[in-house]
Amino acid sequence: MKKLPVEKKKHFRMMPTVKDFMREQPGDVKQELNGIIFMLEIDGSLSMPYGEKIRGEEQLFAIRVMQAANIRIFYVYGLDDIVFGIHGYVKKTEDIPAKDMNQAKKTLKLLIKEGLVK
């Protein structure tokens, strides 16, 4: 039986820092993240428990890898149906660590400056 092509609403692109972060993660974390990214690309958005809007931040969202580990990948919606994975970290506390939030905001500003995100 022939598989029909899957129509994607979005296309996920990982920033190099996120790729580096994910290289350090075990295979089950990578597998779970890939499944969530696939849902994001097909549906165009994520809802709990797989994704969340970052409270108080207009453009920041987070992928929630929770079965294999407690990992978060910040992402933003860019132009031309691109979603950028901009920062990853291991969640250890209830609040987002300031250094991780600052890094995500710094990368977002860079993407806006380059005209890739509004």
PDB file of N, CA and C in Angstrom:
ATOM      1  N   MET A   1       0.845  -1.183   0.000  1.00  0.00           N
ATOM      2  CA  MET A   1       0.000   0.000   0.000  1.00  0.00           C
ATOM      3  C   MET A   1       0.891   1.248   0.000  1.00  0.00           C
ATOM      4  N   LYS A   2       0.565   2.174  -0.856  1.00  0.00           N
ATOM      5  CA  LYS A   2       1.357   3.395  -1.011  1.00  0.00           C
ATOM      6  C   LYS A   2       0.972   4.432   0.036  1.00  0.00           C
ATOM      7  N   LYS A   3       1.998   5.036   0.674  1.00  0.00           N
ATOM      8  CA  LYS A   3       1.750   6.094   1.652  1.00  0.00           C
ATOM      9  C   LYS A   3       1.499   7.408   0.944  1.00  0.00           C
ATOM     10  N   LEU A   4       0.502   8.137   1.419  1.00  0.00           N
ATOM     11  CA  LEU A   4       0.231   9.467   0.891  1.00  0.00           C
ATOM     12  C   LEU A   4       1.177  10.462   1.553  1.00  0.00           C
ATOM     13  N   PRO A   5       1.630  11.474   0.804  1.00  0.00           N
ATOM     14  CA  PRO A   5       2.503  12.484   1.423  1.00  0.00           C
ATOM     15  C   PRO A   5       1.742  13.253   2.504  1.00  0.00           C
ATOM     16  N   VAL A   6       2.470  13.628   3.541  1.00  0.00           N
ATOM     17  CA  VAL A   6       1.878  14.372   4.653  1.00  0.00           C
ATOM     18  C   VAL A   6       2.004  15.855   4.349  1.00  0.00           C
ATOM     19  N   GLU A   7       0.896  16.560   4.487  1.00  0.00           N
ATOM     20  CA  GLU A   7       0.886  18.009   4.256  1.00  0.00           C
ATOM     21  C   GLU A   7       1.254  18.723   5.551  1.00  0.00           C
ATOM     22  N   LYS A   8       2.353  19.454   5.524  1.00  0.00           N
ATOM     23  CA  LYS A   8       2.813  20.181   6.697  1.00  0.00           C
ATOM     24  C   LYS A   8       2.370  21.636   6.625  1.00  0.00           C
ATOM     25  N   LYS A   9       1.875  22.155   7.754  1.00  0.00           N
ATOM     26  CA  LYS A   9       1.512  23.568   7.848  1.00  0.00           C
ATOM     27  C   LYS A   9       2.726  24.426   8.176  1.00  0.00           C
ATOM     28  N   LYS A  10       3.679  23.843   8.905  1.00  0.00           N
ATOM     29  CA  LYS A  10       4.886  24.562   9.334  1.00  0.00           C
ATOM     30  C   LYS A  10       6.112  23.699   9.070  1.00  0.00           C
ATOM     31  N   HIS A  11       7.272  24.332   9.080  1.00  0.00           N
ATOM     32  CA  HIS A  11       8.543  23.627   8.904  1.00  0.00           C
ATOM     33  C   HIS A  11       9.481  24.071  10.027  1.00  0.00           C
ATOM     34  N   PHE A  12       9.940  23.104  10.818  1.00  0.00           N
ATOM     35  CA  PHE A  12      10.738  23.393  12.006  1.00  0.00           C
ATOM     36  C   PHE A  12      12.215  23.448  11.644  1.00  0.00           C
ATOM     37  N   ARG A  13      12.896  24.504  12.108  1.00  0.00           N
ATOM     38  CA  ARG A  13      14.335  24.666  11.907  1.00  0.00           C
ATOM     39  C   ARG A  13      14.989  24.881  13.264  1.00  0.00           C
ATOM     40  N   MET A  14      15.953  24.057  13.585  1.00  0.00           N
ATOM     41  CA  MET A  14      16.667  24.180  14.851  1.00  0.00           C
ATOM     42  C   MET A  14      17.874  25.083  14.694  1.00  0.00           C
ATOM     43  N   MET A  15      18.017  26.028  15.600  1.00  0.00           N
ATOM     44  CA  MET A  15      19.211  26.854  15.635  1.00  0.00           C
ATOM     45  C   MET A  15      20.393  25.957  16.038  1.00  0.00           C
ATOM     46  N   PRO A  16      21.617  26.316  15.634  1.00  0.00           N
ATOM     47  CA  PRO A  16      22.790  25.486  15.958  1.00  0.00           C
ATOM     48  C   PRO A  16      22.944  25.178  17.452  1.00  0.00           C
ATOM     49  N   THR A  17      22.616  26.128  18.317  1.00  0.00           N
ATOM     50  CA  THR A  17      22.751  25.878  19.757  1.00  0.00           C
ATOM     51  C   THR A  17      21.785  24.786  20.225  1.00  0.00           C
ATOM     52  N   VAL A  18      20.605  24.735  19.627  1.00  0.00           N
ATOM     53  CA  VAL A  18      19.636  23.695  19.985  1.00  0.00           C
ATOM     54  C   VAL A  18      20.120  22.347  19.459  1.00  0.00           C
ATOM     55  N   LYS A  19      20.677  22.336  18.252  1.00  0.00           N
ATOM     56  CA  LYS A  19      21.247  21.089  17.717  1.00  0.00           C
ATOM     57  C   LYS A  19      22.343  20.567  18.633  1.00  0.00           C
ATOM     58  N   ASP A  20      23.222  21.461  19.086  1.00  0.00           N
ATOM     59  CA  ASP A  20      24.296  21.064  20.001  1.00  0.00           C
ATOM     60  C   ASP A  20      23.727  20.513  21.310  1.00  0.00           C
ATOM     61  N   PHE A  21      22.727  21.194  21.856  1.00  0.00           N
ATOM     62  CA  PHE A  21      22.081  20.753  23.095  1.00  0.00           C
ATOM     63  C   PHE A  21      21.471  19.360  22.912  1.00  0.00           C
ATOM     64  N   MET A  22      20.790  19.143  21.797  1.00  0.00           N
ATOM     65  CA  MET A  22      20.127  17.861  21.563  1.00  0.00           C
ATOM     66  C   MET A  22      21.126  16.732  21.309  1.00  0.00           C
ATOM     67  N   ARG A  23      22.289  17.040  20.766  1.00  0.00           N
ATOM     68  CA  ARG A  23      23.319  16.009  20.574  1.00  0.00           C
ATOM     69  C   ARG A  23      23.735  15.376  21.902  1.00  0.00           C
ATOM     70  N   GLU A  24      23.616  16.141  22.975  1.00  0.00           N
ATOM     71  CA  GLU A  24      24.006  15.659  24.301  1.00  0.00           C
ATOM     72  C   GLU A  24      22.916  14.827  24.973  1.00  0.00           C
ATOM     73  N   GLN A  25      21.718  14.812  24.390  1.00  0.00           N
ATOM     74  CA  GLN A  25      20.589  14.123  25.019  1.00  0.00           C
ATOM     75  C   GLN A  25      20.526  12.657  24.574  1.00  0.00           C
ATOM     76  N   PRO A  26      19.982  11.794  25.442  1.00  0.00           N
ATOM     77  CA  PRO A  26      19.840  10.380  25.067  1.00  0.00           C
ATOM     78  C   PRO A  26      18.820  10.181  23.939  1.00  0.00           C
ATOM     79  N   GLY A  27      18.887   9.008  23.330  1.00  0.00           N
ATOM     80  CA  GLY A  27      18.041   8.695  22.180  1.00  0.00           C
ATOM     81  C   GLY A  27      16.552   8.814  22.435  1.00  0.00           C
ATOM     82  N   ASP A  28      16.071   8.432  23.633  1.00  0.00           N
ATOM     83  CA  ASP A  28      14.635   8.511  23.886  1.00  0.00           C
ATOM     84  C   ASP A  28      14.149   9.958  23.956  1.00  0.00           C
ATOM     85  N   VAL A  29      15.009  10.868  24.398  1.00  0.00           N
ATOM     86  CA  VAL A  29      14.658  12.298  24.414  1.00  0.00           C
ATOM     87  C   VAL A  29      14.550  12.808  22.974  1.00  0.00           C
ATOM     88  N   LYS A  30      15.514  12.448  22.145  1.00  0.00           N
ATOM     89  CA  LYS A  30      15.499  12.858  20.737  1.00  0.00           C
ATOM     90  C   LYS A  30      14.257  12.319  20.037  1.00  0.00           C
ATOM     91  N   GLN A  31      13.923  11.072  20.325  1.00  0.00           N
ATOM     92  CA  GLN A  31      12.756  10.454  19.702  1.00  0.00           C
ATOM     93  C   GLN A  31      11.462  11.165  20.109  1.00  0.00           C
ATOM     94  N   GLU A  32      11.328  11.464  21.396  1.00  0.00           N
ATOM     95  CA  GLU A  32      10.139  12.175  21.861  1.00  0.00           C
ATOM     96  C   GLU A  32      10.063  13.570  21.238  1.00  0.00           C
ATOM     97  N   LEU A  33      11.197  14.286  21.206  1.00  0.00           N
ATOM     98  CA  LEU A  33      11.215  15.618  20.613  1.00  0.00           C
ATOM     99  C   LEU A  33      10.825  15.554  19.136  1.00  0.00           C
ATOM    100  N   ASN A  34      11.364  14.603  18.411  1.00  0.00           N
ATOM    101  CA  ASN A  34      11.032  14.481  16.986  1.00  0.00           C
ATOM    102  C   ASN A  34       9.538  14.245  16.775  1.00  0.00           C
ATOM    103  N   GLY A  35       8.920  13.448  17.639  1.00  0.00           N
ATOM    104  CA  GLY A  35       7.480  13.224  17.541  1.00  0.00           C
ATOM    105  C   GLY A  35       6.683  14.494  17.782  1.00  0.00           C
ATOM    106  N   ILE A  36       7.105  15.283  18.764  1.00  0.00           N
ATOM    107  CA  ILE A  36       6.409  16.538  19.070  1.00  0.00           C
ATOM    108  C   ILE A  36       6.609  17.539  17.936  1.00  0.00           C
ATOM    109  N   ILE A  37       7.830  17.609  17.397  1.00  0.00           N
ATOM    110  CA  ILE A  37       8.086  18.506  16.264  1.00  0.00           C
ATOM    111  C   ILE A  37       7.211  18.116  15.082  1.00  0.00           C
ATOM    112  N   PHE A  38       7.054  16.823  14.832  1.00  0.00           N
ATOM    113  CA  PHE A  38       6.198  16.361  13.738  1.00  0.00           C
ATOM    114  C   PHE A  38       4.756  16.849  13.944  1.00  0.00           C
ATOM    115  N   MET A  39       4.251  16.747  15.182  1.00  0.00           N
ATOM    116  CA  MET A  39       2.898  17.259  15.467  1.00  0.00           C
ATOM    117  C   MET A  39       2.813  18.754  15.200  1.00  0.00           C
ATOM    118  N   LEU A  40       3.830  19.495  15.611  1.00  0.00           N
ATOM    119  CA  LEU A  40       3.866  20.949  15.390  1.00  0.00           C
ATOM    120  C   LEU A  40       3.836  21.262  13.896  1.00  0.00           C
ATOM    121  N   GLU A  41       4.621  20.541  13.120  1.00  0.00           N
ATOM    122  CA  GLU A  41       4.669  20.792  11.674  1.00  0.00           C
ATOM    123  C   GLU A  41       3.343  20.454  10.996  1.00  0.00           C
ATOM    124  N   ILE A  42       2.694  19.395  11.418  1.00  0.00           N
ATOM    125  CA  ILE A  42       1.427  18.975  10.806  1.00  0.00           C
ATOM    126  C   ILE A  42       0.282  19.898  11.221  1.00  0.00           C
ATOM    127  N   ASP A  43       0.162  20.157  12.530  1.00  0.00           N
ATOM    128  CA  ASP A  43      -0.964  20.945  13.048  1.00  0.00           C
ATOM    129  C   ASP A  43      -0.736  22.445  12.986  1.00  0.00           C
ATOM    130  N   GLY A  44       0.527  22.873  12.970  1.00  0.00           N
ATOM    131  CA  GLY A  44       0.837  24.298  12.946  1.00  0.00           C
ATOM    132  C   GLY A  44       0.966  24.921  14.321  1.00  0.00           C
ATOM    133  N   SER A  45       0.584  24.164  15.362  1.00  0.00           N
ATOM    134  CA  SER A  45       0.705  24.655  16.731  1.00  0.00           C
ATOM    135  C   SER A  45       0.683  23.457  17.677  1.00  0.00           C
ATOM    136  N   LEU A  46       1.023  23.718  18.929  1.00  0.00           N
ATOM    137  CA  LEU A  46       0.997  22.686  19.963  1.00  0.00           C
ATOM    138  C   LEU A  46       0.134  23.156  21.119  1.00  0.00           C
ATOM    139  N   SER A  47      -0.463  22.188  21.804  1.00  0.00           N
ATOM    140  CA  SER A  47      -1.186  22.500  23.032  1.00  0.00           C
ATOM    141  C   SER A  47      -0.675  21.573  24.128  1.00  0.00           C
ATOM    142  N   MET A  48      -1.089  21.832  25.346  1.00  0.00           N
ATOM    143  CA  MET A  48      -0.667  21.013  26.479  1.00  0.00           C
ATOM    144  C   MET A  48      -1.055  19.566  26.207  1.00  0.00           C
ATOM    145  N   PRO A  49      -0.268  18.616  26.578  1.00  0.00           N
ATOM    146  CA  PRO A  49       0.948  18.724  27.370  1.00  0.00           C
ATOM    147  C   PRO A  49       2.219  18.877  26.536  1.00  0.00           C
ATOM    148  N   TYR A  50       2.093  18.973  25.212  1.00  0.00           N
ATOM    149  CA  TYR A  50       3.274  18.964  24.331  1.00  0.00           C
ATOM    150  C   TYR A  50       3.915  20.339  24.149  1.00  0.00           C
ATOM    151  N   GLY A  51       3.136  21.377  24.296  1.00  0.00           N
ATOM    152  CA  GLY A  51       3.658  22.721  24.092  1.00  0.00           C
ATOM    153  C   GLY A  51       2.903  23.725  24.931  1.00  0.00           C
ATOM    154  N   GLU A  52       3.532  24.875  25.107  1.00  0.00           N
ATOM    155  CA  GLU A  52       2.888  25.928  25.888  1.00  0.00           C
ATOM    156  C   GLU A  52       3.378  27.295  25.445  1.00  0.00           C
ATOM    157  N   LYS A  53       2.529  28.284  25.629  1.00  0.00           N
ATOM    158  CA  LYS A  53       2.890  29.684  25.416  1.00  0.00           C
ATOM    159  C   LYS A  53       3.625  30.146  26.661  1.00  0.00           C
ATOM    160  N   ILE A  54       4.728  30.852  26.481  1.00  0.00           N
ATOM    161  CA  ILE A  54       5.476  31.368  27.627  1.00  0.00           C
ATOM    162  C   ILE A  54       4.760  32.611  28.147  1.00  0.00           C
ATOM    163  N   ARG A  55       4.314  32.530  29.369  1.00  0.00           N
ATOM    164  CA  ARG A  55       3.561  33.612  29.993  1.00  0.00           C
ATOM    165  C   ARG A  55       4.360  34.900  30.004  1.00  0.00           C
ATOM    166  N   GLY A  56       3.735  35.987  29.558  1.00  0.00           N
ATOM    167  CA  GLY A  56       4.372  37.296  29.591  1.00  0.00           C
ATOM    168  C   GLY A  56       5.283  37.572  28.403  1.00  0.00           C
ATOM    169  N   GLU A  57       5.402  36.621  27.497  1.00  0.00           N
ATOM    170  CA  GLU A  57       6.265  36.787  26.320  1.00  0.00           C
ATOM    171  C   GLU A  57       5.415  36.613  25.061  1.00  0.00           C
ATOM    172  N   GLU A  58       5.308  37.681  24.299  1.00  0.00           N
ATOM    173  CA  GLU A  58       4.404  37.685  23.149  1.00  0.00           C
ATOM    174  C   GLU A  58       4.724  36.615  22.106  1.00  0.00           C
ATOM    175  N   GLN A  59       5.996  36.378  21.828  1.00  0.00           N
ATOM    176  CA  GLN A  59       6.358  35.511  20.714  1.00  0.00           C
ATOM    177  C   GLN A  59       6.953  34.165  21.110  1.00  0.00           C
ATOM    178  N   LEU A  60       7.189  33.927  22.390  1.00  0.00           N
ATOM    179  CA  LEU A  60       7.879  32.707  22.811  1.00  0.00           C
ATOM    180  C   LEU A  60       6.928  31.585  23.209  1.00  0.00           C
ATOM    181  N   PHE A  61       7.256  30.398  22.724  1.00  0.00           N
ATOM    182  CA  PHE A  61       6.538  29.173  23.045  1.00  0.00           C
ATOM    183  C   PHE A  61       7.573  28.136  23.462  1.00  0.00           C
ATOM    184  N   ALA A  62       7.120  27.035  24.066  1.00  0.00           N
ATOM    185  CA  ALA A  62       8.049  25.981  24.463  1.00  0.00           C
ATOM    186  C   ALA A  62       7.488  24.609  24.132  1.00  0.00           C
ATOM    187  N   ILE A  63       8.337  23.782  23.551  1.00  0.00           N
ATOM    188  CA  ILE A  63       8.044  22.362  23.404  1.00  0.00           C
ATOM    189  C   ILE A  63       8.362  21.731  24.750  1.00  0.00           C
ATOM    190  N   ARG A  64       7.484  20.836  25.203  1.00  0.00           N
ATOM    191  CA  ARG A  64       7.644  20.194  26.503  1.00  0.00           C
ATOM    192  C   ARG A  64       7.949  18.705  26.307  1.00  0.00           C
ATOM    193  N   VAL A  65       9.213  18.335  26.418  1.00  0.00           N
ATOM    194  CA  VAL A  65       9.614  16.931  26.395  1.00  0.00           C
ATOM    195  C   VAL A  65       9.551  16.465  27.844  1.00  0.00           C
ATOM    196  N   MET A  66       8.619  15.552  28.149  1.00  0.00           N
ATOM    197  CA  MET A  66       8.396  15.219  29.552  1.00  0.00           C
ATOM    198  C   MET A  66       8.429  13.728  29.862  1.00  0.00           C
ATOM    199  N   GLN A  67       8.255  12.867  28.887  1.00  0.00           N
ATOM    200  CA  GLN A  67       8.246  11.436  29.174  1.00  0.00           C
ATOM    201  C   GLN A  67       9.664  10.913  29.393  1.00  0.00           C
ATOM    202  N   ALA A  68      10.562  11.256  28.479  1.00  0.00           N
ATOM    203  CA  ALA A  68      11.934  10.756  28.532  1.00  0.00           C
ATOM    204  C   ALA A  68      12.816  11.583  29.468  1.00  0.00           C
ATOM    205  N   ALA A  69      12.494  12.837  29.639  1.00  0.00           N
ATOM    206  CA  ALA A  69      13.264  13.757  30.489  1.00  0.00           C
ATOM    207  C   ALA A  69      12.399  14.989  30.704  1.00  0.00           C
ATOM    208  N   ASN A  70      12.948  15.989  31.347  1.00  0.00           N
ATOM    209  CA  ASN A  70      12.206  17.237  31.542  1.00  0.00           C
ATOM    210  C   ASN A  70      12.957  18.337  30.798  1.00  0.00           C
ATOM    211  N   ILE A  71      12.743  18.370  29.491  1.00  0.00           N
ATOM    212  CA  ILE A  71      13.461  19.264  28.583  1.00  0.00           C
ATOM    213  C   ILE A  71      12.463  20.274  28.020  1.00  0.00           C
ATOM    214  N   ARG A  72      12.937  21.493  27.819  1.00  0.00           N
ATOM    215  CA  ARG A  72      12.134  22.510  27.131  1.00  0.00           C
ATOM    216  C   ARG A  72      12.945  23.040  25.960  1.00  0.00           C
ATOM    217  N   ILE A  73      12.262  23.243  24.842  1.00  0.00           N
ATOM    218  CA  ILE A  73      12.855  23.871  23.668  1.00  0.00           C
ATOM    219  C   ILE A  73      11.998  25.095  23.347  1.00  0.00           C
ATOM    220  N   PHE A  74      12.571  26.278  23.518  1.00  0.00           N
ATOM    221  CA  PHE A  74      11.857  27.498  23.137  1.00  0.00           C
ATOM    222  C   PHE A  74      11.760  27.554  21.620  1.00  0.00           C
ATOM    223  N   TYR A  75      10.609  28.033  21.130  1.00  0.00           N
ATOM    224  CA  TYR A  75      10.463  28.235  19.697  1.00  0.00           C
ATOM    225  C   TYR A  75       9.652  29.481  19.406  1.00  0.00           C
ATOM    226  N   VAL A  76       9.833  29.999  18.186  1.00  0.00           N
ATOM    227  CA  VAL A  76       9.102  31.177  17.716  1.00  0.00           C
ATOM    228  C   VAL A  76       8.624  30.916  16.295  1.00  0.00           C
ATOM    229  N   TYR A  77       7.549  31.572  15.937  1.00  0.00           N
ATOM    230  CA  TYR A  77       7.022  31.472  14.581  1.00  0.00           C
ATOM    231  C   TYR A  77       7.689  32.519  13.706  1.00  0.00           C
ATOM    232  N   GLY A  78       8.279  32.069  12.618  1.00  0.00           N
ATOM    233  CA  GLY A  78       8.934  32.968  11.683  1.00  0.00           C
ATOM    234  C   GLY A  78       8.086  33.197  10.452  1.00  0.00           C
ATOM    235  N   LEU A  79       8.686  33.812   9.466  1.00  0.00           N
ATOM    236  CA  LEU A  79       8.013  34.074   8.202  1.00  0.00           C
ATOM    237  C   LEU A  79       8.003  32.803   7.347  1.00  0.00           C
ATOM    238  N   ASP A  80       7.139  32.781   6.353  1.00  0.00           N
ATOM    239  CA  ASP A  80       7.085  31.683   5.380  1.00  0.00           C
ATOM    240  C   ASP A  80       6.897  30.317   6.018  1.00  0.00           C
ATOM    241  N   ASP A  81       6.041  30.218   7.009  1.00  0.00           N
ATOM    242  CA  ASP A  81       5.690  28.937   7.639  1.00  0.00           C
ATOM    243  C   ASP A  81       6.860  28.240   8.325  1.00  0.00           C
ATOM    244  N   ILE A  82       7.875  28.999   8.713  1.00  0.00           N
ATOM    245  CA  ILE A  82       9.019  28.426   9.418  1.00  0.00           C
ATOM    246  C   ILE A  82       8.825  28.621  10.923  1.00  0.00           C
ATOM    247  N   VAL A  83       9.153  27.597  11.684  1.00  0.00           N
ATOM    248  CA  VAL A  83       9.185  27.677  13.143  1.00  0.00           C
ATOM    249  C   VAL A  83      10.637  27.444  13.542  1.00  0.00           C
ATOM    250  N   PHE A  84      11.180  28.364  14.326  1.00  0.00           N
ATOM    251  CA  PHE A  84      12.572  28.263  14.746  1.00  0.00           C
ATOM    252  C   PHE A  84      12.670  27.750  16.175  1.00  0.00           C
ATOM    253  N   GLY A  85      13.415  26.659  16.369  1.00  0.00           N
ATOM    254  CA  GLY A  85      13.775  26.202  17.702  1.00  0.00           C
ATOM    255  C   GLY A  85      14.981  27.013  18.122  1.00  0.00           C
ATOM    256  N   ILE A  86      14.830  27.856  19.158  1.00  0.00           N
ATOM    257  CA  ILE A  86      15.869  28.855  19.430  1.00  0.00           C
ATOM    258  C   ILE A  86      16.709  28.600  20.682  1.00  0.00           C
ATOM    259  N   HIS A  87      16.223  27.779  21.618  1.00  0.00           N
ATOM    260  CA  HIS A  87      17.016  27.518  22.829  1.00  0.00           C
ATOM    261  C   HIS A  87      16.457  26.304  23.543  1.00  0.00           C
ATOM    262  N   GLY A  88      17.347  25.461  24.040  1.00  0.00           N
ATOM    263  CA  GLY A  88      16.935  24.289  24.799  1.00  0.00           C
ATOM    264  C   GLY A  88      17.595  24.256  26.160  1.00  0.00           C
ATOM    265  N   TYR A  89      16.885  23.706  27.143  1.00  0.00           N
ATOM    266  CA  TYR A  89      17.448  23.567  28.481  1.00  0.00           C
ATOM    267  C   TYR A  89      16.746  22.433  29.226  1.00  0.00           C
ATOM    268  N   VAL A  90      17.397  21.958  30.268  1.00  0.00           N
ATOM    269  CA  VAL A  90      16.814  20.956  31.149  1.00  0.00           C
ATOM    270  C   VAL A  90      16.058  21.686  32.241  1.00  0.00           C
ATOM    271  N   LYS A  91      14.773  21.393  32.353  1.00  0.00           N
ATOM    272  CA  LYS A  91      13.938  22.067  33.361  1.00  0.00           C
ATOM    273  C   LYS A  91      14.152  21.401  34.715  1.00  0.00           C
ATOM    274  N   LYS A  92      14.612  22.214  35.675  1.00  0.00           N
ATOM    275  CA  LYS A  92      14.889  21.701  37.019  1.00  0.00           C
ATOM    276  C   LYS A  92      14.039  22.378  38.084  1.00  0.00           C
ATOM    277  N   THR A  93      13.484  23.544  37.747  1.00  0.00           N
ATOM    278  CA  THR A  93      12.682  24.305  38.714  1.00  0.00           C
ATOM    279  C   THR A  93      11.377  24.728  38.066  1.00  0.00           C
ATOM    280  N   GLU A  94      10.458  25.212  38.880  1.00  0.00           N
ATOM    281  CA  GLU A  94       9.158  25.674  38.373  1.00  0.00           C
ATOM    282  C   GLU A  94       9.312  26.865  37.429  1.00  0.00           C
ATOM    283  N   ASP A  95      10.169  27.807  37.817  1.00  0.00           N
ATOM    284  CA  ASP A  95      10.376  29.007  37.012  1.00  0.00           C
ATOM    285  C   ASP A  95      11.447  28.775  35.951  1.00  0.00           C
ATOM    286  N   ILE A  96      11.341  29.521  34.861  1.00  0.00           N
ATOM    287  CA  ILE A  96      12.357  29.467  33.811  1.00  0.00           C
ATOM    288  C   ILE A  96      13.583  30.221  34.311  1.00  0.00           C
ATOM    289  N   PRO A  97      14.752  29.578  34.297  1.00  0.00           N
ATOM    290  CA  PRO A  97      15.968  30.287  34.738  1.00  0.00           C
ATOM    291  C   PRO A  97      16.220  31.534  33.888  1.00  0.00           C
ATOM    292  N   ALA A  98      16.650  32.607  34.534  1.00  0.00           N
ATOM    293  CA  ALA A  98      16.876  33.882  33.855  1.00  0.00           C
ATOM    294  C   ALA A  98      17.856  33.745  32.695  1.00  0.00           C
ATOM    295  N   LYS A  99      18.922  32.959  32.879  1.00  0.00           N
ATOM    296  CA  LYS A  99      19.913  32.827  31.806  1.00  0.00           C
ATOM    297  C   LYS A  99      19.308  32.156  30.573  1.00  0.00           C
ATOM    298  N   ASP A 100      18.396  31.215  30.770  1.00  0.00           N
ATOM    299  CA  ASP A 100      17.758  30.557  29.636  1.00  0.00           C
ATOM    300  C   ASP A 100      16.760  31.490  28.941  1.00  0.00           C
ATOM    301  N   MET A 101      16.007  32.241  29.719  1.00  0.00           N
ATOM    302  CA  MET A 101      15.068  33.211  29.144  1.00  0.00           C
ATOM    303  C   MET A 101      15.830  34.289  28.384  1.00  0.00           C
ATOM    304  N   ASN A 102      16.924  34.786  28.969  1.00  0.00           N
ATOM    305  CA  ASN A 102      17.721  35.824  28.311  1.00  0.00           C
ATOM    306  C   ASN A 102      18.317  35.322  26.998  1.00  0.00           C
ATOM    307  N   GLN A 103      18.786  34.080  26.977  1.00  0.00           N
ATOM    308  CA  GLN A 103      19.348  33.523  25.749  1.00  0.00           C
ATOM    309  C   GLN A 103      18.273  33.399  24.663  1.00  0.00           C
ATOM    310  N   ALA A 104      17.092  32.957  25.044  1.00  0.00           N
ATOM    311  CA  ALA A 104      15.992  32.846  24.077  1.00  0.00           C
ATOM    312  C   ALA A 104      15.633  34.224  23.514  1.00  0.00           C
ATOM    313  N   LYS A 105      15.544  35.224  24.373  1.00  0.00           N
ATOM    314  CA  LYS A 105      15.221  36.580  23.922  1.00  0.00           C
ATOM    315  C   LYS A 105      16.309  37.143  23.015  1.00  0.00           C
ATOM    316  N   LYS A 106      17.564  36.857  23.329  1.00  0.00           N
ATOM    317  CA  LYS A 106      18.688  37.323  22.516  1.00  0.00           C
ATOM    318  C   LYS A 106      18.608  36.719  21.104  1.00  0.00           C
ATOM    319  N   THR A 107      18.316  35.429  21.032  1.00  0.00           N
ATOM    320  CA  THR A 107      18.197  34.765  19.728  1.00  0.00           C
ATOM    321  C   THR A 107      16.991  35.291  18.963  1.00  0.00           C
ATOM    322  N   LEU A 108      15.883  35.523  19.652  1.00  0.00           N
ATOM    323  CA  LEU A 108      14.699  36.088  19.016  1.00  0.00           C
ATOM    324  C   LEU A 108      15.016  37.451  18.414  1.00  0.00           C
ATOM    325  N   LYS A 109      15.710  38.317  19.150  1.00  0.00           N
ATOM    326  CA  LYS A 109      16.077  39.643  18.638  1.00  0.00           C
ATOM    327  C   LYS A 109      16.942  39.525  17.387  1.00  0.00           C
ATOM    328  N   LEU A 110      17.845  38.567  17.380  1.00  0.00           N
ATOM    329  CA  LEU A 110      18.698  38.334  16.214  1.00  0.00           C
ATOM    330  C   LEU A 110      17.864  37.915  14.996  1.00  0.00           C
ATOM    331  N   LEU A 111      16.902  37.025  15.198  1.00  0.00           N
ATOM    332  CA  LEU A 111      16.036  36.585  14.098  1.00  0.00           C
ATOM    333  C   LEU A 111      15.178  37.730  13.569  1.00  0.00           C
ATOM    334  N   ILE A 112      14.720  38.589  14.467  1.00  0.00           N
ATOM    335  CA  ILE A 112      13.940  39.773  14.041  1.00  0.00           C
ATOM    336  C   ILE A 112      14.838  40.707  13.240  1.00  0.00           C
ATOM    337  N   LYS A 113      16.040  40.944  13.726  1.00  0.00           N
ATOM    338  CA  LYS A 113      17.004  41.828  13.038  1.00  0.00           C
ATOM    339  C   LYS A 113      17.315  41.308  11.625  1.00  0.00           C
ATOM    340  N   GLU A 114      17.413  39.981  11.492  1.00  0.00           N
ATOM    341  CA  GLU A 114      17.715  39.368  10.193  1.00  0.00           C
ATOM    342  C   GLU A 114      16.475  39.276   9.292  1.00  0.00           C
ATOM    343  N   GLY A 115      15.317  39.699   9.802  1.00  0.00           N
ATOM    344  CA  GLY A 115      14.097  39.703   8.996  1.00  0.00           C
ATOM    345  C   GLY A 115      13.453  38.332   8.842  1.00  0.00           C
ATOM    346  N   LEU A 116      13.778  37.418   9.741  1.00  0.00           N
ATOM    347  CA  LEU A 116      13.224  36.063   9.659  1.00  0.00           C
ATOM    348  C   LEU A 116      11.996  35.873  10.537  1.00  0.00           C
ATOM    349  N   VAL A 117      11.808  36.809  11.492  1.00  0.00           N
ATOM    350  CA  VAL A 117      10.656  36.811  12.405  1.00  0.00           C
ATOM    351  C   VAL A 117      10.165  38.246  12.472  1.00  0.00           C
ATOM    352  N   LYS A 118       8.835  38.408  12.506  1.00  0.00           N
ATOM    353  CA  LYS A 118       8.260  39.753  12.638  1.00  0.00           C
ATOM    354  C   LYS A 118       8.332  40.216  14.064  1.00  0.00           C
TER     355      LYS A 118
END
